[in-house]
Amino acid sequence: MKNLKSYIDNRNQWNSFFPNSKQITFPLDQNTVNDLARSLDSDLSPENLHCDGEISATQAQNKYNYYGRVIKELDRYCAGQGLTTPIVEEYY
């Protein structure tokens, strides 16, 4: 679960800039899992994945692969915790 934890740590760092935002902690609940899936969907949108064309195709593929690992770990976490696995639309 190192990729999922890394992703959550990164989200928590960004969230720390906003005073009213809640830190993500384990165990995850269904609402948090759904929020993570929405965030991953956004991260995987073409303009975000490719940084509006500012990174190489290799760098974009590396980001895609990382997010794919996060999604797989999130899926396994949900299965192990009896949570509904959300669908990340942008992940093919």
PDB file of N, CA and C in Angstrom:
ATOM      1  N   MET A   1       0.803  -1.195   0.000  1.00  0.00           N
ATOM      2  CA  MET A   1       0.000   0.000   0.000  1.00  0.00           C
ATOM      3  C   MET A   1       0.849   1.264   0.000  1.00  0.00           C
ATOM      4  N   LYS A   2       2.100   1.124  -0.363  1.00  0.00           N
ATOM      5  CA  LYS A   2       2.983   2.289  -0.303  1.00  0.00           C
ATOM      6  C   LYS A   2       2.569   3.377  -1.290  1.00  0.00           C
ATOM      7  N   ASN A   3       2.051   2.999  -2.458  1.00  0.00           N
ATOM      8  CA  ASN A   3       1.627   4.013  -3.429  1.00  0.00           C
ATOM      9  C   ASN A   3       0.386   4.747  -2.943  1.00  0.00           C
ATOM     10  N   LEU A   4      -0.564   4.023  -2.380  1.00  0.00           N
ATOM     11  CA  LEU A   4      -1.769   4.655  -1.844  1.00  0.00           C
ATOM     12  C   LEU A   4      -1.412   5.590  -0.693  1.00  0.00           C
ATOM     13  N   LYS A   5      -0.544   5.135   0.187  1.00  0.00           N
ATOM     14  CA  LYS A   5      -0.123   5.994   1.304  1.00  0.00           C
ATOM     15  C   LYS A   5       0.612   7.230   0.800  1.00  0.00           C
ATOM     16  N   SER A   6       1.458   7.061  -0.195  1.00  0.00           N
ATOM     17  CA  SER A   6       2.181   8.189  -0.773  1.00  0.00           C
ATOM     18  C   SER A   6       1.204   9.182  -1.398  1.00  0.00           C
ATOM     19  N   TYR A   7       0.218   8.674  -2.108  1.00  0.00           N
ATOM     20  CA  TYR A   7      -0.787   9.539  -2.732  1.00  0.00           C
ATOM     21  C   TYR A   7      -1.554  10.318  -1.669  1.00  0.00           C
ATOM     22  N   ILE A   8      -1.950   9.628  -0.609  1.00  0.00           N
ATOM     23  CA  ILE A   8      -2.684  10.283   0.481  1.00  0.00           C
ATOM     24  C   ILE A   8      -1.796  11.311   1.178  1.00  0.00           C
ATOM     25  N   ASP A   9      -0.542  10.980   1.413  1.00  0.00           N
ATOM     26  CA  ASP A   9       0.383  11.946   2.020  1.00  0.00           C
ATOM     27  C   ASP A   9       0.487  13.208   1.166  1.00  0.00           C
ATOM     28  N   ASN A  10       0.567  13.023  -0.147  1.00  0.00           N
ATOM     29  CA  ASN A  10       0.638  14.169  -1.050  1.00  0.00           C
ATOM     30  C   ASN A  10      -0.635  14.993  -0.989  1.00  0.00           C
ATOM     31  N   ARG A  11      -1.786  14.324  -0.981  1.00  0.00           N
ATOM     32  CA  ARG A  11      -3.066  15.042  -0.855  1.00  0.00           C
ATOM     33  C   ARG A  11      -3.108  15.815   0.458  1.00  0.00           C
ATOM     34  N   ASN A  12      -2.639  15.188   1.548  1.00  0.00           N
ATOM     35  CA  ASN A  12      -2.652  15.861   2.847  1.00  0.00           C
ATOM     36  C   ASN A  12      -1.752  17.094   2.844  1.00  0.00           C
ATOM     37  N   GLN A  13      -0.620  17.014   2.154  1.00  0.00           N
ATOM     38  CA  GLN A  13       0.261  18.181   2.059  1.00  0.00           C
ATOM     39  C   GLN A  13      -0.451  19.334   1.352  1.00  0.00           C
ATOM     40  N   TRP A  14      -1.113  19.039   0.248  1.00  0.00           N
ATOM     41  CA  TRP A  14      -1.855  20.079  -0.464  1.00  0.00           C
ATOM     42  C   TRP A  14      -3.003  20.603   0.388  1.00  0.00           C
ATOM     43  N   ASN A  15      -3.703  19.692   1.066  1.00  0.00           N
ATOM     44  CA  ASN A  15      -4.842  20.100   1.893  1.00  0.00           C
ATOM     45  C   ASN A  15      -4.412  20.990   3.052  1.00  0.00           C
ATOM     46  N   SER A  16      -3.173  20.865   3.485  1.00  0.00           N
ATOM     47  CA  SER A  16      -2.706  21.658   4.623  1.00  0.00           C
ATOM     48  C   SER A  16      -2.692  23.161   4.316  1.00  0.00           C
ATOM     49  N   PHE A  17      -2.735  23.523   3.036  1.00  0.00           N
ATOM     50  CA  PHE A  17      -2.777  24.936   2.651  1.00  0.00           C
ATOM     51  C   PHE A  17      -4.149  25.557   2.897  1.00  0.00           C
ATOM     52  N   PHE A  18      -5.147  24.716   3.096  1.00  0.00           N
ATOM     53  CA  PHE A  18      -6.515  25.197   3.264  1.00  0.00           C
ATOM     54  C   PHE A  18      -6.962  24.919   4.693  1.00  0.00           C
ATOM     55  N   PRO A  19      -7.219  25.957   5.476  1.00  0.00           N
ATOM     56  CA  PRO A  19      -7.464  25.792   6.910  1.00  0.00           C
ATOM     57  C   PRO A  19      -8.663  24.906   7.260  1.00  0.00           C
ATOM     58  N   ASN A  20      -9.676  24.860   6.446  1.00  0.00           N
ATOM     59  CA  ASN A  20     -10.862  24.071   6.783  1.00  0.00           C
ATOM     60  C   ASN A  20     -10.841  22.659   6.219  1.00  0.00           C
ATOM     61  N   SER A  21      -9.749  22.280   5.570  1.00  0.00           N
ATOM     62  CA  SER A  21      -9.742  20.955   4.964  1.00  0.00           C
ATOM     63  C   SER A  21      -9.259  19.904   5.956  1.00  0.00           C
ATOM     64  N   LYS A  22      -9.853  18.741   5.835  1.00  0.00           N
ATOM     65  CA  LYS A  22      -9.604  17.632   6.751  1.00  0.00           C
ATOM     66  C   LYS A  22      -8.474  16.751   6.218  1.00  0.00           C
ATOM     67  N   GLN A  23      -7.617  16.306   7.088  1.00  0.00           N
ATOM     68  CA  GLN A  23      -6.548  15.386   6.713  1.00  0.00           C
ATOM     69  C   GLN A  23      -7.129  13.985   6.522  1.00  0.00           C
ATOM     70  N   ILE A  24      -6.618  13.277   5.543  1.00  0.00           N
ATOM     71  CA  ILE A  24      -7.062  11.916   5.269  1.00  0.00           C
ATOM     72  C   ILE A  24      -6.261  10.963   6.152  1.00  0.00           C
ATOM     73  N   THR A  25      -6.968  10.140   6.899  1.00  0.00           N
ATOM     74  CA  THR A  25      -6.313   9.174   7.782  1.00  0.00           C
ATOM     75  C   THR A  25      -6.937   7.797   7.593  1.00  0.00           C
ATOM     76  N   PHE A  26      -6.166   6.789   7.935  1.00  0.00           N
ATOM     77  CA  PHE A  26      -6.662   5.413   7.925  1.00  0.00           C
ATOM     78  C   PHE A  26      -7.306   5.112   9.263  1.00  0.00           C
ATOM     79  N   PRO A  27      -8.317   4.302   9.322  1.00  0.00           N
ATOM     80  CA  PRO A  27      -8.959   3.601   8.211  1.00  0.00           C
ATOM     81  C   PRO A  27      -9.814   4.562   7.382  1.00  0.00           C
ATOM     82  N   LEU A  28      -9.861   4.290   6.088  1.00  0.00           N
ATOM     83  CA  LEU A  28     -10.650   5.104   5.180  1.00  0.00           C
ATOM     84  C   LEU A  28     -12.113   4.697   5.254  1.00  0.00           C
ATOM     85  N   ASP A  29     -12.996   5.669   5.133  1.00  0.00           N
ATOM     86  CA  ASP A  29     -14.419   5.349   5.051  1.00  0.00           C
ATOM     87  C   ASP A  29     -14.862   5.490   3.592  1.00  0.00           C
ATOM     88  N   GLN A  30     -16.106   5.136   3.312  1.00  0.00           N
ATOM     89  CA  GLN A  30     -16.587   5.141   1.930  1.00  0.00           C
ATOM     90  C   GLN A  30     -16.538   6.531   1.313  1.00  0.00           C
ATOM     91  N   ASN A  31     -16.886   7.559   2.066  1.00  0.00           N
ATOM     92  CA  ASN A  31     -16.844   8.921   1.524  1.00  0.00           C
ATOM     93  C   ASN A  31     -15.428   9.325   1.135  1.00  0.00           C
ATOM     94  N   THR A  32     -14.461   8.948   1.950  1.00  0.00           N
ATOM     95  CA  THR A  32     -13.068   9.277   1.645  1.00  0.00           C
ATOM     96  C   THR A  32     -12.591   8.516   0.420  1.00  0.00           C
ATOM     97  N   VAL A  33     -12.958   7.258   0.320  1.00  0.00           N
ATOM     98  CA  VAL A  33     -12.594   6.449  -0.847  1.00  0.00           C
ATOM     99  C   VAL A  33     -13.187   7.071  -2.114  1.00  0.00           C
ATOM    100  N   ASN A  34     -14.433   7.491  -2.042  1.00  0.00           N
ATOM    101  CA  ASN A  34     -15.075   8.123  -3.196  1.00  0.00           C
ATOM    102  C   ASN A  34     -14.371   9.426  -3.566  1.00  0.00           C
ATOM    103  N   ASP A  35     -13.966  10.185  -2.557  1.00  0.00           N
ATOM    104  CA  ASP A  35     -13.236  11.430  -2.793  1.00  0.00           C
ATOM    105  C   ASP A  35     -11.883  11.149  -3.449  1.00  0.00           C
ATOM    106  N   LEU A  36     -11.198  10.117  -2.996  1.00  0.00           N
ATOM    107  CA  LEU A  36      -9.919   9.748  -3.600  1.00  0.00           C
ATOM    108  C   LEU A  36     -10.109   9.355  -5.060  1.00  0.00           C
ATOM    109  N   ALA A  37     -11.179   8.627  -5.361  1.00  0.00           N
ATOM    110  CA  ALA A  37     -11.446   8.227  -6.751  1.00  0.00           C
ATOM    111  C   ALA A  37     -11.700   9.456  -7.625  1.00  0.00           C
ATOM    112  N   ARG A  38     -12.448  10.425  -7.107  1.00  0.00           N
ATOM    113  CA  ARG A  38     -12.685  11.661  -7.868  1.00  0.00           C
ATOM    114  C   ARG A  38     -11.375  12.411  -8.106  1.00  0.00           C
ATOM    115  N   SER A  39     -10.526  12.420  -7.090  1.00  0.00           N
ATOM    116  CA  SER A  39      -9.239  13.092  -7.223  1.00  0.00           C
ATOM    117  C   SER A  39      -8.367  12.390  -8.269  1.00  0.00           C
ATOM    118  N   LEU A  40      -8.371  11.066  -8.238  1.00  0.00           N
ATOM    119  CA  LEU A  40      -7.604  10.306  -9.232  1.00  0.00           C
ATOM    120  C   LEU A  40      -8.150  10.544 -10.634  1.00  0.00           C
ATOM    121  N   ASP A  41      -9.465  10.624 -10.762  1.00  0.00           N
ATOM    122  CA  ASP A  41     -10.068  10.945 -12.060  1.00  0.00           C
ATOM    123  C   ASP A  41      -9.540  12.272 -12.580  1.00  0.00           C
ATOM    124  N   SER A  42      -9.472  13.254 -11.704  1.00  0.00           N
ATOM    125  CA  SER A  42      -8.957  14.567 -12.089  1.00  0.00           C
ATOM    126  C   SER A  42      -7.479  14.489 -12.458  1.00  0.00           C
ATOM    127  N   ASP A  43      -6.714  13.767 -11.649  1.00  0.00           N
ATOM    128  CA  ASP A  43      -5.278  13.639 -11.926  1.00  0.00           C
ATOM    129  C   ASP A  43      -5.015  12.963 -13.269  1.00  0.00           C
ATOM    130  N   LEU A  44      -5.913  12.069 -13.680  1.00  0.00           N
ATOM    131  CA  LEU A  44      -5.733  11.317 -14.911  1.00  0.00           C
ATOM    132  C   LEU A  44      -6.332  11.993 -16.139  1.00  0.00           C
ATOM    133  N   SER A  45      -6.952  13.147 -15.949  1.00  0.00           N
ATOM    134  CA  SER A  45      -7.469  13.851 -17.132  1.00  0.00           C
ATOM    135  C   SER A  45      -6.277  14.213 -18.017  1.00  0.00           C
ATOM    136  N   PRO A  46      -6.458  14.198 -19.324  1.00  0.00           N
ATOM    137  CA  PRO A  46      -5.319  14.430 -20.226  1.00  0.00           C
ATOM    138  C   PRO A  46      -4.538  15.710 -19.934  1.00  0.00           C
ATOM    139  N   GLU A  47      -5.250  16.792 -19.639  1.00  0.00           N
ATOM    140  CA  GLU A  47      -4.525  18.050 -19.404  1.00  0.00           C
ATOM    141  C   GLU A  47      -3.699  17.999 -18.118  1.00  0.00           C
ATOM    142  N   ASN A  48      -4.194  17.312 -17.095  1.00  0.00           N
ATOM    143  CA  ASN A  48      -3.415  17.177 -15.859  1.00  0.00           C
ATOM    144  C   ASN A  48      -2.316  16.144 -16.010  1.00  0.00           C
ATOM    145  N   LEU A  49      -2.628  15.036 -16.637  1.00  0.00           N
ATOM    146  CA  LEU A  49      -1.642  13.973 -16.802  1.00  0.00           C
ATOM    147  C   LEU A  49      -0.437  14.454 -17.596  1.00  0.00           C
ATOM    148  N   HIS A  50      -0.685  15.247 -18.620  1.00  0.00           N
ATOM    149  CA  HIS A  50       0.393  15.727 -19.488  1.00  0.00           C
ATOM    150  C   HIS A  50       0.867  17.126 -19.127  1.00  0.00           C
ATOM    151  N   CYS A  51       0.370  17.659 -17.996  1.00  0.00           N
ATOM    152  CA  CYS A  51       0.755  19.008 -17.549  1.00  0.00           C
ATOM    153  C   CYS A  51       0.620  20.020 -18.686  1.00  0.00           C
ATOM    154  N   ASP A  52      -0.535  19.951 -19.351  1.00  0.00           N
ATOM    155  CA  ASP A  52      -0.823  20.847 -20.479  1.00  0.00           C
ATOM    156  C   ASP A  52       0.271  20.816 -21.543  1.00  0.00           C
ATOM    157  N   GLY A  53       0.843  19.638 -21.771  1.00  0.00           N
ATOM    158  CA  GLY A  53       1.860  19.468 -22.805  1.00  0.00           C
ATOM    159  C   GLY A  53       3.255  19.886 -22.395  1.00  0.00           C
ATOM    160  N   GLU A  54       3.460  20.167 -21.126  1.00  0.00           N
ATOM    161  CA  GLU A  54       4.754  20.668 -20.653  1.00  0.00           C
ATOM    162  C   GLU A  54       5.731  19.560 -20.257  1.00  0.00           C
ATOM    163  N   ILE A  55       5.278  18.298 -20.249  1.00  0.00           N
ATOM    164  CA  ILE A  55       6.189  17.201 -19.904  1.00  0.00           C
ATOM    165  C   ILE A  55       6.259  16.227 -21.075  1.00  0.00           C
ATOM    166  N   SER A  56       7.274  15.385 -21.047  1.00  0.00           N
ATOM    167  CA  SER A  56       7.471  14.423 -22.130  1.00  0.00           C
ATOM    168  C   SER A  56       6.435  13.300 -22.034  1.00  0.00           C
ATOM    169  N   ALA A  57       6.305  12.569 -23.117  1.00  0.00           N
ATOM    170  CA  ALA A  57       5.396  11.417 -23.139  1.00  0.00           C
ATOM    171  C   ALA A  57       5.830  10.373 -22.111  1.00  0.00           C
ATOM    172  N   THR A  58       7.127  10.214 -21.919  1.00  0.00           N
ATOM    173  CA  THR A  58       7.641   9.263 -20.937  1.00  0.00           C
ATOM    174  C   THR A  58       7.256   9.681 -19.522  1.00  0.00           C
ATOM    175  N   GLN A  59       7.387  10.964 -19.225  1.00  0.00           N
ATOM    176  CA  GLN A  59       7.001  11.457 -17.898  1.00  0.00           C
ATOM    177  C   GLN A  59       5.504  11.273 -17.665  1.00  0.00           C
ATOM    178  N   ALA A  60       4.703  11.541 -18.681  1.00  0.00           N
ATOM    179  CA  ALA A  60       3.248  11.355 -18.562  1.00  0.00           C
ATOM    180  C   ALA A  60       2.928   9.879 -18.351  1.00  0.00           C
ATOM    181  N   GLN A  61       3.617   8.999 -19.041  1.00  0.00           N
ATOM    182  CA  GLN A  61       3.380   7.560 -18.872  1.00  0.00           C
ATOM    183  C   GLN A  61       3.765   7.119 -17.460  1.00  0.00           C
ATOM    184  N   ASN A  62       4.851   7.674 -16.931  1.00  0.00           N
ATOM    185  CA  ASN A  62       5.258   7.345 -15.563  1.00  0.00           C
ATOM    186  C   ASN A  62       4.193   7.786 -14.557  1.00  0.00           C
ATOM    187  N   LYS A  63       3.626   8.975 -14.769  1.00  0.00           N
ATOM    188  CA  LYS A  63       2.545   9.441 -13.902  1.00  0.00           C
ATOM    189  C   LYS A  63       1.343   8.510 -14.014  1.00  0.00           C
ATOM    190  N   TYR A  64       0.986   8.138 -15.231  1.00  0.00           N
ATOM    191  CA  TYR A  64      -0.143   7.237 -15.465  1.00  0.00           C
ATOM    192  C   TYR A  64       0.078   5.905 -14.744  1.00  0.00           C
ATOM    193  N   ASN A  65       1.283   5.373 -14.858  1.00  0.00           N
ATOM    194  CA  ASN A  65       1.605   4.101 -14.197  1.00  0.00           C
ATOM    195  C   ASN A  65       1.490   4.226 -12.682  1.00  0.00           C
ATOM    196  N   TYR A  66       1.967   5.328 -12.132  1.00  0.00           N
ATOM    197  CA  TYR A  66       1.872   5.560 -10.689  1.00  0.00           C
ATOM    198  C   TYR A  66       0.411   5.598 -10.255  1.00  0.00           C
ATOM    199  N   TYR A  67      -0.410   6.384 -10.952  1.00  0.00           N
ATOM    200  CA  TYR A  67      -1.816   6.472 -10.594  1.00  0.00           C
ATOM    201  C   TYR A  67      -2.502   5.113 -10.736  1.00  0.00           C
ATOM    202  N   GLY A  68      -2.092   4.336 -11.722  1.00  0.00           N
ATOM    203  CA  GLY A  68      -2.633   2.985 -11.869  1.00  0.00           C
ATOM    204  C   GLY A  68      -2.316   2.120 -10.659  1.00  0.00           C
ATOM    205  N   ARG A  69      -1.097   2.238 -10.140  1.00  0.00           N
ATOM    206  CA  ARG A  69      -0.736   1.479  -8.934  1.00  0.00           C
ATOM    207  C   ARG A  69      -1.556   1.945  -7.734  1.00  0.00           C
ATOM    208  N   VAL A  70      -1.772   3.254  -7.633  1.00  0.00           N
ATOM    209  CA  VAL A  70      -2.595   3.794  -6.544  1.00  0.00           C
ATOM    210  C   VAL A  70      -4.009   3.220  -6.635  1.00  0.00           C
ATOM    211  N   ILE A  71      -4.576   3.206  -7.833  1.00  0.00           N
ATOM    212  CA  ILE A  71      -5.933   2.692  -8.031  1.00  0.00           C
ATOM    213  C   ILE A  71      -6.010   1.218  -7.654  1.00  0.00           C
ATOM    214  N   LYS A  72      -5.041   0.434  -8.066  1.00  0.00           N
ATOM    215  CA  LYS A  72      -5.053  -0.995  -7.726  1.00  0.00           C
ATOM    216  C   LYS A  72      -4.958  -1.204  -6.215  1.00  0.00           C
ATOM    217  N   GLU A  73      -4.139  -0.410  -5.551  1.00  0.00           N
ATOM    218  CA  GLU A  73      -4.031  -0.531  -4.092  1.00  0.00           C
ATOM    219  C   GLU A  73      -5.318  -0.064  -3.412  1.00  0.00           C
ATOM    220  N   LEU A  74      -5.947   0.962  -3.948  1.00  0.00           N
ATOM    221  CA  LEU A  74      -7.222   1.420  -3.410  1.00  0.00           C
ATOM    222  C   LEU A  74      -8.288   0.332  -3.593  1.00  0.00           C
ATOM    223  N   ASP A  75      -8.287  -0.315  -4.750  1.00  0.00           N
ATOM    224  CA  ASP A  75      -9.222  -1.418  -4.997  1.00  0.00           C
ATOM    225  C   ASP A  75      -9.020  -2.544  -3.987  1.00  0.00           C
ATOM    226  N   ARG A  76      -7.767  -2.917  -3.759  1.00  0.00           N
ATOM    227  CA  ARG A  76      -7.476  -3.996  -2.788  1.00  0.00           C
ATOM    228  C   ARG A  76      -7.879  -3.571  -1.384  1.00  0.00           C
ATOM    229  N   TYR A  77      -7.633  -2.315  -1.040  1.00  0.00           N
ATOM    230  CA  TYR A  77      -8.013  -1.814   0.276  1.00  0.00           C
ATOM    231  C   TYR A  77      -9.519  -1.919   0.447  1.00  0.00           C
ATOM    232  N   CYS A  78     -10.261  -1.469  -0.541  1.00  0.00           N
ATOM    233  CA  CYS A  78     -11.728  -1.514  -0.472  1.00  0.00           C
ATOM    234  C   CYS A  78     -12.216  -2.952  -0.304  1.00  0.00           C
ATOM    235  N   ALA A  79     -11.654  -3.865  -1.071  1.00  0.00           N
ATOM    236  CA  ALA A  79     -12.061  -5.267  -0.977  1.00  0.00           C
ATOM    237  C   ALA A  79     -11.789  -5.814   0.420  1.00  0.00           C
ATOM    238  N   GLY A  80     -10.658  -5.454   0.992  1.00  0.00           N
ATOM    239  CA  GLY A  80     -10.292  -5.939   2.319  1.00  0.00           C
ATOM    240  C   GLY A  80     -11.089  -5.319   3.446  1.00  0.00           C
ATOM    241  N   GLN A  81     -11.652  -4.135   3.199  1.00  0.00           N
ATOM    242  CA  GLN A  81     -12.390  -3.415   4.237  1.00  0.00           C
ATOM    243  C   GLN A  81     -13.903  -3.485   4.038  1.00  0.00           C
ATOM    244  N   GLY A  82     -14.345  -4.196   3.018  1.00  0.00           N
ATOM    245  CA  GLY A  82     -15.769  -4.296   2.755  1.00  0.00           C
ATOM    246  C   GLY A  82     -16.387  -3.016   2.229  1.00  0.00           C
ATOM    247  N   LEU A  83     -15.586  -2.191   1.551  1.00  0.00           N
ATOM    248  CA  LEU A  83     -16.071  -0.938   0.977  1.00  0.00           C
ATOM    249  C   LEU A  83     -16.362  -1.142  -0.507  1.00  0.00           C
ATOM    250  N   THR A  84     -17.238  -0.327  -1.037  1.00  0.00           N
ATOM    251  CA  THR A  84     -17.527  -0.377  -2.465  1.00  0.00           C
ATOM    252  C   THR A  84     -16.361   0.255  -3.221  1.00  0.00           C
ATOM    253  N   THR A  85     -15.871  -0.465  -4.212  1.00  0.00           N
ATOM    254  CA  THR A  85     -14.759   0.031  -5.006  1.00  0.00           C
ATOM    255  C   THR A  85     -15.291   1.047  -6.009  1.00  0.00           C
ATOM    256  N   PRO A  86     -14.815   2.297  -5.936  1.00  0.00           N
ATOM    257  CA  PRO A  86     -15.295   3.301  -6.883  1.00  0.00           C
ATOM    258  C   PRO A  86     -14.658   3.110  -8.251  1.00  0.00           C
ATOM    259  N   ILE A  87     -15.349   3.600  -9.256  1.00  0.00           N
ATOM    260  CA  ILE A  87     -14.824   3.541 -10.629  1.00  0.00           C
ATOM    261  C   ILE A  87     -14.107   4.836 -10.935  1.00  0.00           C
ATOM    262  N   VAL A  88     -12.892   4.717 -11.415  1.00  0.00           N
ATOM    263  CA  VAL A  88     -12.116   5.882 -11.865  1.00  0.00           C
ATOM    264  C   VAL A  88     -12.259   5.913 -13.373  1.00  0.00           C
ATOM    265  N   GLU A  89     -13.068   6.829 -13.858  1.00  0.00           N
ATOM    266  CA  GLU A  89     -13.447   6.873 -15.279  1.00  0.00           C
ATOM    267  C   GLU A  89     -12.257   7.072 -16.219  1.00  0.00           C
ATOM    268  N   GLU A  90     -11.295   7.879 -15.814  1.00  0.00           N
ATOM    269  CA  GLU A  90     -10.177   8.210 -16.693  1.00  0.00           C
ATOM    270  C   GLU A  90      -9.132   7.092 -16.809  1.00  0.00           C
ATOM    271  N   TYR A  91      -9.275   6.052 -15.994  1.00  0.00           N
ATOM    272  CA  TYR A  91      -8.297   4.954 -16.017  1.00  0.00           C
ATOM    273  C   TYR A  91      -8.817   3.876 -16.952  1.00  0.00           C
ATOM    274  N   TYR A  92      -8.087   3.607 -18.010  1.00  0.00           N
ATOM    275  CA  TYR A  92      -8.540   2.611 -18.967  1.00  0.00           C
ATOM    276  C   TYR A  92      -7.830   1.318 -18.748  1.00  0.00           C
TER     277      TYR A  92
END
